[in-house]
Amino acid sequence: MVFQKQNSFSNLTVFLLAMLFLGAIVFSSINLVYGKYTDIDVATANDMITNGTYPNLTILDVRTESEYDAGHLENAVLIPLAELESRIDEILQYKDTEIIVYCKVGGRSAQASTILDSNNFTKVFNVQGGITAWESAGYPVTHEFPPWIILLLLAATLCVVVAVIVIIIYKKRRKKLEDTIQL
């Protein structure tokens, strides 16, 4: 009876050690497939961008084009999350250099970071809090106007110039007419 208890204890110990070993293998495999990217805060992202240590740093914005146009980090490359997998070849040259990935609050950038990891990008940094946290911290954002706004501004400027010319011509002719009438 004592022998049987020791034997079952040994079996239980071997079983638990085997499960622990298998769990470690599974966990490390999951960790190799997922989670290779590094989460960073906006202060770290700003430091990486401004300190000059990363000369080949790429900044990837994975928001929509309209969100990007409303304001983005300077020199950011726009590839919306929905297009990232189909456009991955556009950034393959950055596979082994630092890539900072951001979105509005951090959800899409985490998904994008996972996609980059699964495509063997080696130095991916996900900005937690996204551009919302970036702006809240007071860091600079670049605003670009869509092309149609630039055309609209040019058209408005041209209208103002034409109006000024018409007014000048009108005043000169009126003055000339008044001088002729007084004679």
Protein backbone atom coordinates (compact mmCIF):
# COMPACT_ATOMS: atom_id res chain seq x y z
CA MET A 1 0.00 0.00 0.00
CA VAL A 2 2.83 2.41 0.83
CA PHE A 3 4.49 1.50 -2.43
CA GLN A 4 1.32 2.31 -4.37
CA LYS A 5 1.01 5.76 -2.72
CA GLN A 6 4.63 6.58 -3.55
CA ASN A 7 4.14 5.36 -7.11
CA SER A 8 1.01 7.48 -7.62
CA PHE A 9 2.83 10.46 -6.07
CA SER A 10 5.70 9.92 -8.51
CA ASN A 11 3.26 9.64 -11.41
CA LEU A 12 1.55 12.84 -10.33
CA THR A 13 4.91 14.62 -10.03
CA VAL A 14 6.01 13.43 -13.47
CA PHE A 15 2.65 14.41 -14.94
CA LEU A 16 2.80 17.91 -13.39
CA LEU A 17 6.39 18.42 -14.54
CA ALA A 18 5.43 17.29 -18.06
CA MET A 19 2.47 19.70 -18.10
CA LEU A 20 4.68 22.52 -16.85
CA PHE A 21 7.25 21.76 -19.55
CA LEU A 22 4.58 21.62 -22.28
CA GLY A 23 3.04 24.85 -20.97
CA ALA A 24 6.42 26.56 -21.16
CA ILE A 25 6.90 25.38 -24.74
CA VAL A 26 3.42 26.50 -25.79
CA PHE A 27 3.79 29.87 -24.04
CA SER A 28 7.20 30.54 -25.60
CA SER A 29 5.83 29.54 -29.01
CA ILE A 30 2.93 31.95 -28.60
CA ASN A 31 5.34 34.63 -27.49
CA LEU A 32 7.46 34.03 -30.60
CA VAL A 33 4.45 34.38 -32.88
CA TYR A 34 2.73 37.21 -31.04
CA GLY A 35 3.97 40.09 -28.94
CA LYS A 36 7.40 40.67 -30.41
CA TYR A 37 6.58 44.34 -30.77
CA THR A 38 7.25 46.73 -27.91
CA ASP A 39 4.63 49.02 -26.39
CA ILE A 40 5.99 52.52 -25.75
CA ASP A 41 4.51 55.70 -24.33
CA VAL A 42 4.45 59.01 -26.19
CA ALA A 43 7.46 60.38 -24.29
CA THR A 44 9.57 57.44 -25.46
CA ALA A 45 8.25 57.85 -29.02
CA ASN A 46 9.09 61.55 -28.99
CA ASP A 47 12.58 60.79 -27.67
CA MET A 48 13.15 58.18 -30.39
CA ILE A 49 12.02 60.66 -33.06
CA THR A 50 14.03 63.63 -31.81
CA ASN A 51 17.23 62.28 -30.26
CA GLY A 52 18.97 61.31 -33.52
CA THR A 53 19.84 57.80 -32.33
CA TYR A 54 17.61 56.19 -34.95
CA PRO A 55 18.59 57.67 -38.34
CA ASN A 56 16.43 55.19 -40.29
CA LEU A 57 13.40 55.47 -38.03
CA THR A 58 10.07 55.06 -39.80
CA ILE A 59 6.85 56.49 -38.41
CA LEU A 60 3.78 54.56 -39.56
CA ASP A 61 0.29 56.06 -39.23
CA VAL A 62 -2.39 53.36 -39.58
CA ARG A 63 -5.44 55.65 -39.32
CA THR A 64 -7.69 56.64 -42.22
CA GLU A 65 -6.69 59.29 -44.75
CA SER A 66 -9.15 61.82 -43.32
CA GLU A 67 -7.74 61.29 -39.81
CA TYR A 68 -4.22 61.71 -41.21
CA ASP A 69 -5.19 64.92 -43.02
CA ALA A 70 -6.62 66.33 -39.78
CA GLY A 71 -3.19 66.02 -38.16
CA HIS A 72 -0.29 63.58 -38.01
CA LEU A 73 3.27 63.18 -36.79
CA GLU A 74 5.83 64.86 -39.02
CA ASN A 75 7.28 62.53 -41.70
CA ALA A 76 4.71 59.82 -40.95
CA VAL A 77 3.92 57.31 -43.68
CA LEU A 78 0.19 56.69 -44.05
CA ILE A 79 -0.95 53.12 -44.59
CA PRO A 80 -4.43 52.59 -43.09
CA LEU A 81 -4.77 49.39 -41.05
CA ALA A 82 -7.33 48.00 -43.51
CA GLU A 83 -4.71 48.26 -46.29
CA LEU A 84 -1.57 47.26 -44.37
CA GLU A 85 -1.39 43.60 -45.35
CA SER A 86 -1.95 44.33 -49.04
CA ARG A 87 0.58 47.21 -49.00
CA ILE A 88 3.23 45.59 -46.79
CA ASP A 89 5.70 45.56 -49.69
CA GLU A 90 5.82 49.40 -49.53
CA ILE A 91 7.64 49.21 -46.20
CA LEU A 92 9.62 45.97 -46.54
CA GLN A 93 12.86 47.96 -46.77
CA TYR A 94 12.29 48.96 -43.11
CA LYS A 95 11.99 45.35 -41.93
CA ASP A 96 15.13 45.54 -39.79
CA THR A 97 14.95 49.19 -38.71
CA GLU A 98 12.90 50.85 -36.01
CA ILE A 99 9.25 51.46 -36.89
CA ILE A 100 7.00 53.52 -34.63
CA VAL A 101 3.35 52.61 -35.25
CA TYR A 102 0.49 54.83 -34.09
CA CYS A 103 -3.22 55.40 -34.58
CA LYS A 104 -5.79 57.46 -32.70
CA VAL A 105 -5.68 55.75 -29.28
CA GLY A 106 -3.58 52.58 -29.69
CA GLY A 107 -5.96 49.81 -30.75
CA ARG A 108 -5.35 49.82 -34.49
CA SER A 109 -1.63 50.34 -34.01
CA ALA A 110 -1.46 47.24 -31.80
CA GLN A 111 -3.18 45.25 -34.57
CA ALA A 112 -0.80 46.75 -37.14
CA SER A 113 2.19 45.90 -34.93
CA THR A 114 1.02 42.29 -34.80
CA ILE A 115 0.75 42.26 -38.62
CA LEU A 116 4.27 43.66 -38.90
CA ASP A 117 5.53 41.02 -36.44
CA SER A 118 3.89 38.26 -38.48
CA ASN A 119 5.72 39.62 -41.54
CA ASN A 120 9.07 39.39 -39.71
CA PHE A 121 9.59 43.06 -38.94
CA THR A 122 12.10 43.05 -36.11
CA LYS A 123 11.96 46.46 -34.39
CA VAL A 124 8.31 47.46 -34.07
CA PHE A 125 7.20 49.99 -31.44
CA ASN A 126 3.49 50.51 -30.73
CA VAL A 127 2.60 53.94 -29.34
CA GLN A 128 0.15 53.46 -26.49
CA GLY A 129 -2.54 56.14 -26.42
CA GLY A 130 -1.89 57.05 -30.06
CA ILE A 131 -2.02 60.57 -31.41
CA THR A 132 -4.59 61.48 -28.75
CA ALA A 133 -2.00 60.95 -26.00
CA TRP A 134 0.67 62.56 -28.22
CA GLU A 135 -1.34 65.77 -28.55
CA SER A 136 -2.33 65.72 -24.87
CA ALA A 137 1.37 65.65 -23.98
CA GLY A 138 1.87 68.78 -26.10
CA TYR A 139 4.01 67.22 -28.83
CA PRO A 140 3.81 68.72 -32.33
CA VAL A 141 1.38 67.58 -35.00
CA THR A 142 1.55 68.44 -38.69
CA HIS A 143 -1.64 69.44 -40.48
CA GLU A 144 -1.96 69.04 -44.20
CA PHE A 145 -4.68 70.44 -46.35
CA PRO A 146 -6.37 68.13 -48.84
CA PRO A 147 -5.64 69.14 -52.48
CA TRP A 148 -9.19 70.44 -53.03
CA ILE A 149 -8.76 72.96 -50.20
CA ILE A 150 -5.56 74.25 -51.77
CA LEU A 151 -7.37 74.66 -55.10
CA LEU A 152 -10.23 76.42 -53.33
CA LEU A 153 -7.79 78.80 -51.63
CA LEU A 154 -6.09 79.52 -54.95
CA ALA A 155 -9.46 80.20 -56.62
CA ALA A 156 -10.50 82.51 -53.77
CA THR A 157 -7.19 84.37 -54.01
CA LEU A 158 -7.63 84.77 -57.76
CA CYS A 159 -11.15 86.16 -57.22
CA VAL A 160 -9.83 88.71 -54.74
CA VAL A 161 -7.06 89.79 -57.13
CA VAL A 162 -9.55 90.17 -60.01
CA ALA A 163 -11.91 92.15 -57.75
CA VAL A 164 -9.09 94.50 -56.71
CA ILE A 165 -8.11 95.05 -60.36
CA VAL A 166 -11.72 95.76 -61.33
CA ILE A 167 -12.05 98.28 -58.48
CA ILE A 168 -8.82 100.04 -59.48
CA ILE A 169 -9.91 100.24 -63.14
CA TYR A 170 -13.36 101.48 -62.10
CA LYS A 171 -11.90 104.22 -59.91
CA LYS A 172 -9.51 105.37 -62.64
CA ARG A 173 -12.27 105.50 -65.24
CA ARG A 174 -14.60 107.28 -62.86
CA LYS A 175 -11.93 109.85 -62.06
CA LYS A 176 -11.27 110.31 -65.78
CA LEU A 177 -14.99 110.69 -66.45
CA GLU A 178 -15.35 113.24 -63.63
CA ASP A 179 -12.39 115.22 -65.00
CA THR A 180 -13.97 115.21 -68.48
CA ILE A 181 -17.34 116.42 -67.15
CA GLN A 182 -15.75 119.31 -65.25
CA LEU A 183 -14.10 120.64 -68.39
